[in-house]
Amino acid sequence: MSRARRTVLEYRSYELSPDFPIVVLTGDKWHISPVPAKHLHFHNCLEVGLCHTGGGSMVFEQQSHHFSAGSVTCIARNIPHTTYSDPGTTSLWSYLFLDPEGLLGMEALGIMGLTEARNFLADCHLLLSGESCSWASQLIEQIIREVQEKPSGYTIVVRSLCAALLIELLRDYAASDTEYVRDSYFHVICPALDYIHEHFMENVDVETLASACHMSQTHFRRIFKEQVGSSPLEFLHQTRILKSCALLRSSDMTVAEVASKVGYNSLCSFNRHFFDSMGSTPSTWRRSSGENLRPSLLTFTGWKEAEVMEEEDSGIPEKGDEEN
């Protein structure tokens, strides 16, 4: 009997500034399509979502949960998921994508309880109803206002609000008795994804990644390719290039310094991988502020603009993309 073909997961990565690692997506264009996505996807950072209007379903691998206006989600990186609206509707959302360790620091996580905080940030998959979490929606909306309006001292305020939000979400997660059913094959490569996330700037080889997952190199390469859609080293280079984009945009480092910072000993190698991913040289990309990305790159760099999808049954254009 032939082995069943597994669905490739989509990797959605957001460029987070090293100094202030949070991205806000909000506004009238962020509608969720009623057409279920063909693939689940996972992120490089923590996602917090707030549903403003409408309803639909959120899927965590093998589990589906209904959401409605006021619902709040909190999803750890490396947790496969997707969202779609009820038939004939498009729900409206706002999203925060953030790196809690970079935004708050280890001292803040220690106040929360370091072990508990790390477990939460690795495994959280919360979907809270509007009735039970009005406090969360208020915090999220205040964070959005601060980031959009940028008043004096807004970065300090945002860090404080995010700390309060995460503490409350951690409490809800600790009190939750909902079991998360992981897809066994994706779960086994998570140690490799975590290792790349933490050590991308070092010399990373397949032997080390396979060992972290307790697999032979051959078996690890096959499972990784089936689940993520790229080889382990291709994923490593994607991670490095996206990290380099954040440094090119937010620092005055030279291109050579950025290349070294993200793990490339050869400037030639960095330029080649950067061009393959971004469609331009690092210097050209920096001068254009990264606005002219290859359209194909948007599949794994997350939402930049809302897209139009056609509903398969009716052919009526629907505003939005699957949830990111």
C-alpha atoms as a PDB file:
ATOM      1  CA  MET A   1       0.000   0.000   0.000  1.00  0.00           C
ATOM      2  CA  SER A   2       1.420   3.398  -0.976  1.00  0.00           C
ATOM      3  CA  ARG A   3       2.045   5.925   1.765  1.00  0.00           C
ATOM      4  CA  ALA A   4      -0.542   8.738   1.991  1.00  0.00           C
ATOM      5  CA  ARG A   5       0.627  12.083   0.659  1.00  0.00           C
ATOM      6  CA  ARG A   6       0.906  14.712   3.390  1.00  0.00           C
ATOM      7  CA  THR A   7      -0.138  18.323   2.966  1.00  0.00           C
ATOM      8  CA  VAL A   8       2.699  20.812   2.798  1.00  0.00           C
ATOM      9  CA  LEU A   9       2.433  23.536   5.435  1.00  0.00           C
ATOM     10  CA  GLU A  10       3.001  27.166   4.489  1.00  0.00           C
ATOM     11  CA  TYR A  11       5.608  29.171   6.383  1.00  0.00           C
ATOM     12  CA  ARG A  12       4.562  32.787   6.967  1.00  0.00           C
ATOM     13  CA  SER A  13       7.386  34.932   8.282  1.00  0.00           C
ATOM     14  CA  TYR A  14       7.124  38.560   9.399  1.00  0.00           C
ATOM     15  CA  GLU A  15       9.973  41.030   9.363  1.00  0.00           C
ATOM     16  CA  LEU A  16      10.308  42.284  12.935  1.00  0.00           C
ATOM     17  CA  SER A  17      12.572  45.173  13.888  1.00  0.00           C
ATOM     18  CA  PRO A  18      15.312  44.037  16.306  1.00  0.00           C
ATOM     19  CA  ASP A  19      14.707  47.153  18.445  1.00  0.00           C
ATOM     20  CA  PHE A  20      10.907  47.035  18.530  1.00  0.00           C
ATOM     21  CA  PRO A  21       9.770  43.588  17.309  1.00  0.00           C
ATOM     22  CA  ILE A  22       6.041  44.039  16.755  1.00  0.00           C
ATOM     23  CA  VAL A  23       3.974  44.374  13.557  1.00  0.00           C
ATOM     24  CA  VAL A  24       0.345  45.542  13.531  1.00  0.00           C
ATOM     25  CA  LEU A  25      -2.125  44.674  10.755  1.00  0.00           C
ATOM     26  CA  THR A  26      -5.433  46.500  11.076  1.00  0.00           C
ATOM     27  CA  GLY A  27      -7.994  48.473   9.078  1.00  0.00           C
ATOM     28  CA  ASP A  28     -10.975  47.887   6.808  1.00  0.00           C
ATOM     29  CA  LYS A  29      -9.024  45.784   4.303  1.00  0.00           C
ATOM     30  CA  TRP A  30      -8.177  42.910   6.664  1.00  0.00           C
ATOM     31  CA  HIS A  31     -11.096  40.640   5.894  1.00  0.00           C
ATOM     32  CA  ILE A  32     -10.979  36.832   6.088  1.00  0.00           C
ATOM     33  CA  SER A  33     -12.326  34.893   3.125  1.00  0.00           C
ATOM     34  CA  PRO A  34     -15.046  32.232   3.546  1.00  0.00           C
ATOM     35  CA  VAL A  35     -13.025  29.931   1.294  1.00  0.00           C
ATOM     36  CA  PRO A  36     -10.984  27.506   3.445  1.00  0.00           C
ATOM     37  CA  ALA A  37      -7.258  27.670   2.703  1.00  0.00           C
ATOM     38  CA  LYS A  38      -5.711  24.701   0.935  1.00  0.00           C
ATOM     39  CA  HIS A  39      -2.905  24.587   3.500  1.00  0.00           C
ATOM     40  CA  LEU A  40      -2.433  25.206   7.185  1.00  0.00           C
ATOM     41  CA  HIS A  41       0.398  27.622   7.919  1.00  0.00           C
ATOM     42  CA  PHE A  42       2.715  28.575  10.769  1.00  0.00           C
ATOM     43  CA  HIS A  43       4.669  31.704  11.706  1.00  0.00           C
ATOM     44  CA  ASN A  44       8.073  32.836  12.895  1.00  0.00           C
ATOM     45  CA  CYS A  45       6.559  34.744  15.834  1.00  0.00           C
ATOM     46  CA  LEU A  46       3.627  34.962  18.218  1.00  0.00           C
ATOM     47  CA  GLU A  47       0.276  35.951  16.669  1.00  0.00           C
ATOM     48  CA  VAL A  48      -2.496  37.706  18.607  1.00  0.00           C
ATOM     49  CA  GLY A  49      -5.754  38.314  16.727  1.00  0.00           C
ATOM     50  CA  LEU A  50      -8.949  40.252  17.449  1.00  0.00           C
ATOM     51  CA  CYS A  51     -12.148  39.588  15.471  1.00  0.00           C
ATOM     52  CA  HIS A  52     -14.112  42.822  15.034  1.00  0.00           C
ATOM     53  CA  THR A  53     -17.093  41.568  13.012  1.00  0.00           C
ATOM     54  CA  GLY A  54     -18.475  38.338  11.603  1.00  0.00           C
ATOM     55  CA  GLY A  55     -17.805  34.734  12.508  1.00  0.00           C
ATOM     56  CA  GLY A  56     -16.217  31.583  11.185  1.00  0.00           C
ATOM     57  CA  SER A  57     -13.884  28.720  12.031  1.00  0.00           C
ATOM     58  CA  MET A  58     -10.332  28.547  13.319  1.00  0.00           C
ATOM     59  CA  VAL A  59      -8.498  25.287  12.687  1.00  0.00           C
ATOM     60  CA  PHE A  60      -5.573  24.046  14.774  1.00  0.00           C
ATOM     61  CA  GLU A  61      -4.307  21.003  12.856  1.00  0.00           C
ATOM     62  CA  GLN A  62      -7.003  18.403  13.710  1.00  0.00           C
ATOM     63  CA  GLN A  63      -9.285  20.710  15.732  1.00  0.00           C
ATOM     64  CA  SER A  64     -11.836  23.256  14.503  1.00  0.00           C
ATOM     65  CA  HIS A  65     -13.353  25.971  16.728  1.00  0.00           C
ATOM     66  CA  HIS A  66     -15.967  28.623  15.978  1.00  0.00           C
ATOM     67  CA  PHE A  67     -15.201  32.317  16.477  1.00  0.00           C
ATOM     68  CA  SER A  68     -17.457  35.381  16.498  1.00  0.00           C
ATOM     69  CA  ALA A  69     -17.168  39.151  16.902  1.00  0.00           C
ATOM     70  CA  GLY A  70     -15.026  39.935  19.952  1.00  0.00           C
ATOM     71  CA  SER A  71     -13.081  36.655  19.850  1.00  0.00           C
ATOM     72  CA  VAL A  72      -9.359  36.853  20.630  1.00  0.00           C
ATOM     73  CA  THR A  73      -6.730  34.368  19.468  1.00  0.00           C
ATOM     74  CA  CYS A  74      -3.180  33.802  20.677  1.00  0.00           C
ATOM     75  CA  ILE A  75      -1.097  31.371  18.619  1.00  0.00           C
ATOM     76  CA  ALA A  76       2.518  30.394  19.200  1.00  0.00           C
ATOM     77  CA  ARG A  77       4.973  30.207  16.339  1.00  0.00           C
ATOM     78  CA  ASN A  78       5.245  26.699  14.866  1.00  0.00           C
ATOM     79  CA  ILE A  79       1.557  25.978  15.582  1.00  0.00           C
ATOM     80  CA  PRO A  80      -0.117  25.061  12.233  1.00  0.00           C
ATOM     81  CA  HIS A  81      -3.478  26.796  11.818  1.00  0.00           C
ATOM     82  CA  THR A  82      -5.809  28.664   9.497  1.00  0.00           C
ATOM     83  CA  THR A  83      -9.021  30.695   9.686  1.00  0.00           C
ATOM     84  CA  TYR A  84     -11.999  31.093   7.372  1.00  0.00           C
ATOM     85  CA  SER A  85     -15.281  32.982   7.674  1.00  0.00           C
ATOM     86  CA  ASP A  86     -18.818  31.642   7.665  1.00  0.00           C
ATOM     87  CA  PRO A  87     -20.225  30.983   4.143  1.00  0.00           C
ATOM     88  CA  GLY A  88     -21.184  34.161   2.295  1.00  0.00           C
ATOM     89  CA  THR A  89     -19.456  36.473   4.796  1.00  0.00           C
ATOM     90  CA  THR A  90     -16.047  38.005   5.451  1.00  0.00           C
ATOM     91  CA  SER A  91     -15.014  38.574   9.052  1.00  0.00           C
ATOM     92  CA  LEU A  92     -12.858  41.595   9.903  1.00  0.00           C
ATOM     93  CA  TRP A  93      -9.727  41.168  12.051  1.00  0.00           C
ATOM     94  CA  SER A  94      -6.751  43.012  13.504  1.00  0.00           C
ATOM     95  CA  TYR A  95      -3.467  41.230  14.218  1.00  0.00           C
ATOM     96  CA  LEU A  96      -0.383  41.700  16.334  1.00  0.00           C
ATOM     97  CA  PHE A  97       2.743  39.753  15.348  1.00  0.00           C
ATOM     98  CA  LEU A  98       5.492  39.992  17.952  1.00  0.00           C
ATOM     99  CA  ASP A  99       8.593  38.475  19.482  1.00  0.00           C
ATOM    100  CA  PRO A 100       7.870  38.563  23.233  1.00  0.00           C
ATOM    101  CA  GLU A 101      11.469  37.904  24.289  1.00  0.00           C
ATOM    102  CA  GLY A 102      12.792  40.679  22.062  1.00  0.00           C
ATOM    103  CA  LEU A 103      10.011  43.103  22.985  1.00  0.00           C
ATOM    104  CA  LEU A 104       9.901  42.528  26.739  1.00  0.00           C
ATOM    105  CA  GLY A 105      13.265  40.948  27.592  1.00  0.00           C
ATOM    106  CA  MET A 106      14.051  37.898  29.673  1.00  0.00           C
ATOM    107  CA  GLU A 107      13.571  39.826  32.922  1.00  0.00           C
ATOM    108  CA  ALA A 108       9.902  40.441  32.113  1.00  0.00           C
ATOM    109  CA  LEU A 109       9.392  36.807  31.170  1.00  0.00           C
ATOM    110  CA  GLY A 110      11.031  35.858  34.446  1.00  0.00           C
ATOM    111  CA  ILE A 111       8.434  37.900  36.330  1.00  0.00           C
ATOM    112  CA  MET A 112       5.740  35.863  34.590  1.00  0.00           C
ATOM    113  CA  GLY A 113       7.541  32.681  35.587  1.00  0.00           C
ATOM    114  CA  LEU A 114      10.244  31.800  33.062  1.00  0.00           C
ATOM    115  CA  THR A 115       9.374  28.132  32.620  1.00  0.00           C
ATOM    116  CA  GLU A 116       5.645  28.795  32.420  1.00  0.00           C
ATOM    117  CA  ALA A 117       6.172  31.697  30.001  1.00  0.00           C
ATOM    118  CA  ARG A 118       8.401  29.648  27.699  1.00  0.00           C
ATOM    119  CA  ASN A 119       5.941  26.751  27.675  1.00  0.00           C
ATOM    120  CA  PHE A 120       3.130  29.176  26.884  1.00  0.00           C
ATOM    121  CA  LEU A 121       5.066  30.856  24.073  1.00  0.00           C
ATOM    122  CA  ALA A 122       5.926  27.450  22.583  1.00  0.00           C
ATOM    123  CA  ASP A 123       2.470  25.849  22.720  1.00  0.00           C
ATOM    124  CA  CYS A 124      -0.314  28.431  23.176  1.00  0.00           C
ATOM    125  CA  HIS A 125      -3.321  27.991  20.893  1.00  0.00           C
ATOM    126  CA  LEU A 126      -6.017  30.098  22.532  1.00  0.00           C
ATOM    127  CA  LEU A 127      -9.379  31.075  21.085  1.00  0.00           C
ATOM    128  CA  LEU A 128     -11.277  33.158  23.643  1.00  0.00           C
ATOM    129  CA  SER A 129     -14.881  34.298  23.251  1.00  0.00           C
ATOM    130  CA  GLY A 130     -15.699  37.997  23.354  1.00  0.00           C
ATOM    131  CA  GLU A 131     -17.799  37.529  26.471  1.00  0.00           C
ATOM    132  CA  SER A 132     -14.878  36.091  28.420  1.00  0.00           C
ATOM    133  CA  CYS A 133     -12.087  38.404  27.287  1.00  0.00           C
ATOM    134  CA  SER A 134     -13.273  41.991  26.915  1.00  0.00           C
ATOM    135  CA  TRP A 135     -10.102  42.970  28.799  1.00  0.00           C
ATOM    136  CA  ALA A 136      -7.980  41.456  25.989  1.00  0.00           C
ATOM    137  CA  SER A 137      -9.767  43.311  23.195  1.00  0.00           C
ATOM    138  CA  GLN A 138      -9.335  46.598  25.072  1.00  0.00           C
ATOM    139  CA  LEU A 139      -5.590  46.000  25.500  1.00  0.00           C
ATOM    140  CA  ILE A 140      -5.170  44.985  21.859  1.00  0.00           C
ATOM    141  CA  GLU A 141      -7.035  48.053  20.603  1.00  0.00           C
ATOM    142  CA  GLN A 142      -4.926  50.317  22.842  1.00  0.00           C
ATOM    143  CA  ILE A 143      -1.713  48.700  21.527  1.00  0.00           C
ATOM    144  CA  ILE A 144      -2.910  49.265  17.953  1.00  0.00           C
ATOM    145  CA  ARG A 145      -3.649  52.947  18.652  1.00  0.00           C
ATOM    146  CA  GLU A 146      -0.231  53.488  20.201  1.00  0.00           C
ATOM    147  CA  VAL A 147       1.588  51.855  17.276  1.00  0.00           C
ATOM    148  CA  GLN A 148      -0.459  53.745  14.686  1.00  0.00           C
ATOM    149  CA  GLU A 149      -0.354  57.191  16.282  1.00  0.00           C
ATOM    150  CA  LYS A 150       3.157  56.933  17.804  1.00  0.00           C
ATOM    151  CA  PRO A 151       2.705  59.513  20.577  1.00  0.00           C
ATOM    152  CA  SER A 152       5.624  60.459  22.800  1.00  0.00           C
ATOM    153  CA  GLY A 153       6.904  57.409  24.695  1.00  0.00           C
ATOM    154  CA  TYR A 154       4.704  54.997  22.746  1.00  0.00           C
ATOM    155  CA  THR A 155       7.301  52.213  22.673  1.00  0.00           C
ATOM    156  CA  ILE A 156       7.392  52.103  26.472  1.00  0.00           C
ATOM    157  CA  VAL A 157       3.599  52.091  26.634  1.00  0.00           C
ATOM    158  CA  VAL A 158       3.333  49.316  24.025  1.00  0.00           C
ATOM    159  CA  ARG A 159       5.840  47.136  25.883  1.00  0.00           C
ATOM    160  CA  SER A 160       3.868  47.619  29.119  1.00  0.00           C
ATOM    161  CA  LEU A 161       0.536  46.862  27.442  1.00  0.00           C
ATOM    162  CA  CYS A 162       1.961  43.760  25.748  1.00  0.00           C
ATOM    163  CA  ALA A 163       3.329  42.529  29.087  1.00  0.00           C
ATOM    164  CA  ALA A 164      -0.115  42.947  30.679  1.00  0.00           C
ATOM    165  CA  LEU A 165      -1.799  41.238  27.714  1.00  0.00           C
ATOM    166  CA  LEU A 166       0.573  38.255  27.751  1.00  0.00           C
ATOM    167  CA  ILE A 167       0.272  37.808  31.527  1.00  0.00           C
ATOM    168  CA  GLU A 168      -3.522  37.653  31.253  1.00  0.00           C
ATOM    169  CA  LEU A 169      -3.345  35.290  28.265  1.00  0.00           C
ATOM    170  CA  LEU A 170      -0.868  33.081  30.117  1.00  0.00           C
ATOM    171  CA  ARG A 171      -3.309  32.864  33.036  1.00  0.00           C
ATOM    172  CA  ASP A 172      -6.119  31.845  30.689  1.00  0.00           C
ATOM    173  CA  TYR A 173      -3.900  29.289  29.017  1.00  0.00           C
ATOM    174  CA  ALA A 174      -2.842  27.800  32.352  1.00  0.00           C
ATOM    175  CA  ALA A 175      -6.502  27.489  33.360  1.00  0.00           C
ATOM    176  CA  SER A 176      -7.534  25.954  30.040  1.00  0.00           C
ATOM    177  CA  ASP A 177      -8.108  22.195  29.914  1.00  0.00           C
ATOM    178  CA  THR A 178      -8.366  22.058  26.121  1.00  0.00           C
ATOM    179  CA  GLU A 179      -6.021  19.434  24.745  1.00  0.00           C
ATOM    180  CA  TYR A 180      -4.030  20.374  21.676  1.00  0.00           C
ATOM    181  CA  VAL A 181      -3.823  17.475  19.221  1.00  0.00           C
ATOM    182  CA  ARG A 182      -0.612  17.896  17.260  1.00  0.00           C
ATOM    183  CA  ASP A 183       0.039  16.428  13.860  1.00  0.00           C
ATOM    184  CA  SER A 184       2.713  13.869  14.739  1.00  0.00           C
ATOM    185  CA  TYR A 185       4.875  14.453  11.666  1.00  0.00           C
ATOM    186  CA  PHE A 186       5.023  18.230  12.018  1.00  0.00           C
ATOM    187  CA  HIS A 187       5.594  17.900  15.741  1.00  0.00           C
ATOM    188  CA  VAL A 188       8.743  15.832  15.233  1.00  0.00           C
ATOM    189  CA  ILE A 189      10.473  18.562  13.191  1.00  0.00           C
ATOM    190  CA  CYS A 190       9.623  21.387  15.633  1.00  0.00           C
ATOM    191  CA  PRO A 191      12.946  20.964  17.500  1.00  0.00           C
ATOM    192  CA  ALA A 192      14.740  21.688  14.206  1.00  0.00           C
ATOM    193  CA  LEU A 193      12.591  24.784  13.573  1.00  0.00           C
ATOM    194  CA  ASP A 194      13.320  26.009  17.090  1.00  0.00           C
ATOM    195  CA  TYR A 195      17.047  25.343  16.641  1.00  0.00           C
ATOM    196  CA  ILE A 196      17.125  27.350  13.393  1.00  0.00           C
ATOM    197  CA  HIS A 197      15.168  30.185  15.052  1.00  0.00           C
ATOM    198  CA  GLU A 198      17.724  30.415  17.862  1.00  0.00           C
ATOM    199  CA  HIS A 199      20.961  29.569  16.008  1.00  0.00           C
ATOM    200  CA  PHE A 200      20.448  30.801  12.415  1.00  0.00           C
ATOM    201  CA  MET A 201      23.506  33.052  12.706  1.00  0.00           C
ATOM    202  CA  GLU A 202      25.769  30.056  13.430  1.00  0.00           C
ATOM    203  CA  ASN A 203      27.069  27.241  11.247  1.00  0.00           C
ATOM    204  CA  VAL A 204      24.003  24.997  11.132  1.00  0.00           C
ATOM    205  CA  ASP A 205      24.192  21.601   9.434  1.00  0.00           C
ATOM    206  CA  VAL A 206      21.630  18.928   8.667  1.00  0.00           C
ATOM    207  CA  GLU A 207      23.317  16.451  11.002  1.00  0.00           C
ATOM    208  CA  THR A 208      22.692  18.763  13.994  1.00  0.00           C
ATOM    209  CA  LEU A 209      19.071  19.393  12.979  1.00  0.00           C
ATOM    210  CA  ALA A 210      18.366  15.699  12.422  1.00  0.00           C
ATOM    211  CA  SER A 211      19.943  14.848  15.771  1.00  0.00           C
ATOM    212  CA  ALA A 212      17.714  17.413  17.524  1.00  0.00           C
ATOM    213  CA  CYS A 213      14.703  15.547  16.086  1.00  0.00           C
ATOM    214  CA  HIS A 214      16.167  12.097  16.866  1.00  0.00           C
ATOM    215  CA  MET A 215      16.127  11.051  13.211  1.00  0.00           C
ATOM    216  CA  SER A 216      18.578   9.853  10.623  1.00  0.00           C
ATOM    217  CA  GLN A 217      19.592  12.573   8.165  1.00  0.00           C
ATOM    218  CA  THR A 218      17.824  10.845   5.276  1.00  0.00           C
ATOM    219  CA  HIS A 219      14.560  10.438   7.171  1.00  0.00           C
ATOM    220  CA  PHE A 220      14.765  13.983   8.553  1.00  0.00           C
ATOM    221  CA  ARG A 221      15.304  15.539   5.104  1.00  0.00           C
ATOM    222  CA  ARG A 222      12.283  13.678   3.713  1.00  0.00           C
ATOM    223  CA  ILE A 223       9.914  14.537   6.573  1.00  0.00           C
ATOM    224  CA  PHE A 224      11.037  18.185   6.645  1.00  0.00           C
ATOM    225  CA  LYS A 225      10.502  18.560   2.884  1.00  0.00           C
ATOM    226  CA  GLU A 226       7.057  16.921   3.093  1.00  0.00           C
ATOM    227  CA  GLN A 227       5.905  19.167   5.933  1.00  0.00           C
ATOM    228  CA  VAL A 228       7.450  22.543   5.094  1.00  0.00           C
ATOM    229  CA  GLY A 229       7.837  22.334   1.318  1.00  0.00           C
ATOM    230  CA  SER A 230      11.543  23.214   1.307  1.00  0.00           C
ATOM    231  CA  SER A 231      14.752  21.550   2.398  1.00  0.00           C
ATOM    232  CA  PRO A 232      16.176  22.282   5.876  1.00  0.00           C
ATOM    233  CA  LEU A 233      18.993  24.379   4.415  1.00  0.00           C
ATOM    234  CA  GLU A 234      16.614  26.311   2.141  1.00  0.00           C
ATOM    235  CA  PHE A 235      14.531  27.113   5.219  1.00  0.00           C
ATOM    236  CA  LEU A 236      17.682  28.210   7.055  1.00  0.00           C
ATOM    237  CA  HIS A 237      18.586  30.599   4.221  1.00  0.00           C
ATOM    238  CA  GLN A 238      15.022  31.988   4.135  1.00  0.00           C
ATOM    239  CA  THR A 239      15.255  32.664   7.875  1.00  0.00           C
ATOM    240  CA  ARG A 240      18.628  34.375   7.522  1.00  0.00           C
ATOM    241  CA  ILE A 241      17.523  36.568   4.621  1.00  0.00           C
ATOM    242  CA  LEU A 242      14.374  37.721   6.410  1.00  0.00           C
ATOM    243  CA  LYS A 243      16.446  38.540   9.492  1.00  0.00           C
ATOM    244  CA  SER A 244      18.850  40.484   7.282  1.00  0.00           C
ATOM    245  CA  CYS A 245      15.948  42.523   5.859  1.00  0.00           C
ATOM    246  CA  ALA A 246      15.083  43.737   9.351  1.00  0.00           C
ATOM    247  CA  LEU A 247      18.697  44.781   9.954  1.00  0.00           C
ATOM    248  CA  LEU A 248      19.044  46.487   6.570  1.00  0.00           C
ATOM    249  CA  ARG A 249      15.868  48.479   7.197  1.00  0.00           C
ATOM    250  CA  SER A 250      16.424  49.408  10.844  1.00  0.00           C
ATOM    251  CA  SER A 251      20.212  49.797  11.290  1.00  0.00           C
ATOM    252  CA  ASP A 252      23.138  51.615   9.735  1.00  0.00           C
ATOM    253  CA  MET A 253      25.243  48.439   9.480  1.00  0.00           C
ATOM    254  CA  THR A 254      27.092  47.920   6.231  1.00  0.00           C
ATOM    255  CA  VAL A 255      25.909  45.089   3.977  1.00  0.00           C
ATOM    256  CA  ALA A 256      29.010  43.106   4.946  1.00  0.00           C
ATOM    257  CA  GLU A 257      28.234  43.582   8.648  1.00  0.00           C
ATOM    258  CA  VAL A 258      24.646  42.441   8.131  1.00  0.00           C
ATOM    259  CA  ALA A 259      25.840  39.395   6.193  1.00  0.00           C
ATOM    260  CA  SER A 260      28.133  38.412   9.052  1.00  0.00           C
ATOM    261  CA  LYS A 261      25.425  39.108  11.653  1.00  0.00           C
ATOM    262  CA  VAL A 262      22.979  36.641  10.076  1.00  0.00           C
ATOM    263  CA  GLY A 263      25.503  33.869   9.540  1.00  0.00           C
ATOM    264  CA  TYR A 264      27.239  34.407   6.181  1.00  0.00           C
ATOM    265  CA  ASN A 265      31.028  34.355   6.193  1.00  0.00           C
ATOM    266  CA  SER A 266      31.075  35.190   2.486  1.00  0.00           C
ATOM    267  CA  LEU A 267      29.563  38.434   1.192  1.00  0.00           C
ATOM    268  CA  CYS A 268      29.234  36.792  -2.224  1.00  0.00           C
ATOM    269  CA  SER A 269      27.155  33.969  -0.746  1.00  0.00           C
ATOM    270  CA  PHE A 270      24.940  36.444   1.122  1.00  0.00           C
ATOM    271  CA  ASN A 271      24.359  38.525  -2.027  1.00  0.00           C
ATOM    272  CA  ARG A 272      23.465  35.407  -4.024  1.00  0.00           C
ATOM    273  CA  HIS A 273      20.970  34.070  -1.484  1.00  0.00           C
ATOM    274  CA  PHE A 274      19.489  37.538  -0.952  1.00  0.00           C
ATOM    275  CA  PHE A 275      18.940  38.006  -4.690  1.00  0.00           C
ATOM    276  CA  ASP A 276      17.386  34.539  -5.025  1.00  0.00           C
ATOM    277  CA  SER A 277      14.859  35.353  -2.277  1.00  0.00           C
ATOM    278  CA  MET A 278      14.210  39.077  -2.727  1.00  0.00           C
ATOM    279  CA  GLY A 279      14.856  39.656  -6.431  1.00  0.00           C
ATOM    280  CA  SER A 280      17.433  42.418  -5.883  1.00  0.00           C
ATOM    281  CA  THR A 281      20.773  43.018  -4.236  1.00  0.00           C
ATOM    282  CA  PRO A 282      20.835  43.961  -0.525  1.00  0.00           C
ATOM    283  CA  SER A 283      21.992  47.510  -1.362  1.00  0.00           C
ATOM    284  CA  THR A 284      19.227  48.046  -3.916  1.00  0.00           C
ATOM    285  CA  TRP A 285      16.622  46.608  -1.553  1.00  0.00           C
ATOM    286  CA  ARG A 286      17.779  48.910   1.253  1.00  0.00           C
ATOM    287  CA  ARG A 287      17.632  52.013  -0.973  1.00  0.00           C
ATOM    288  CA  SER A 288      14.056  51.177  -2.027  1.00  0.00           C
ATOM    289  CA  SER A 289      13.073  50.508   1.630  1.00  0.00           C
ATOM    290  CA  GLY A 290      12.083  46.995   0.674  1.00  0.00           C
ATOM    291  CA  GLU A 291       8.937  48.136  -1.145  1.00  0.00           C
ATOM    292  CA  ASN A 292       9.490  46.263  -4.402  1.00  0.00           C
ATOM    293  CA  LEU A 293       9.368  42.657  -3.278  1.00  0.00           C
ATOM    294  CA  ARG A 294       8.817  39.767  -5.603  1.00  0.00           C
ATOM    295  CA  PRO A 295       5.105  38.886  -5.562  1.00  0.00           C
ATOM    296  CA  SER A 296       5.942  35.203  -5.090  1.00  0.00           C
ATOM    297  CA  LEU A 297       7.696  36.027  -1.834  1.00  0.00           C
ATOM    298  CA  LEU A 298       4.434  37.135  -0.216  1.00  0.00           C
ATOM    299  CA  THR A 299       3.403  33.514   0.268  1.00  0.00           C
ATOM    300  CA  PHE A 300       5.942  33.087   3.027  1.00  0.00           C
ATOM    301  CA  THR A 301       6.436  36.637   4.254  1.00  0.00           C
ATOM    302  CA  GLY A 302       2.847  37.031   5.399  1.00  0.00           C
ATOM    303  CA  TRP A 303       0.182  39.550   4.534  1.00  0.00           C
ATOM    304  CA  LYS A 304       1.314  42.906   3.204  1.00  0.00           C
ATOM    305  CA  GLU A 305      -1.861  43.839   1.340  1.00  0.00           C
ATOM    306  CA  ALA A 306      -5.296  42.217   1.386  1.00  0.00           C
ATOM    307  CA  GLU A 307      -5.853  40.042  -1.655  1.00  0.00           C
ATOM    308  CA  VAL A 308      -8.940  39.028  -3.641  1.00  0.00           C
ATOM    309  CA  MET A 309     -10.002  35.387  -3.673  1.00  0.00           C
ATOM    310  CA  GLU A 310     -12.821  33.965  -5.741  1.00  0.00           C
ATOM    311  CA  GLU A 311     -15.353  31.783  -4.000  1.00  0.00           C
ATOM    312  CA  GLU A 312     -15.241  28.466  -5.805  1.00  0.00           C
ATOM    313  CA  ASP A 313     -18.999  27.785  -5.955  1.00  0.00           C
ATOM    314  CA  SER A 314     -20.355  31.186  -6.967  1.00  0.00           C
ATOM    315  CA  GLY A 315     -17.387  32.810  -8.675  1.00  0.00           C
ATOM    316  CA  ILE A 316     -18.115  35.985  -6.688  1.00  0.00           C
ATOM    317  CA  PRO A 317     -14.900  37.804  -5.722  1.00  0.00           C
ATOM    318  CA  GLU A 318     -14.368  37.859  -1.963  1.00  0.00           C
ATOM    319  CA  LYS A 319     -12.115  40.393  -0.295  1.00  0.00           C
ATOM    320  CA  GLY A 320      -9.344  38.898   1.751  1.00  0.00           C
ATOM    321  CA  ASP A 321      -6.935  36.065   2.126  1.00  0.00           C
ATOM    322  CA  GLU A 322      -6.816  33.099   4.468  1.00  0.00           C
ATOM    323  CA  GLU A 323      -5.826  34.151   7.995  1.00  0.00           C
ATOM    324  CA  ASN A 324      -2.158  34.645   8.585  1.00  0.00           C
END
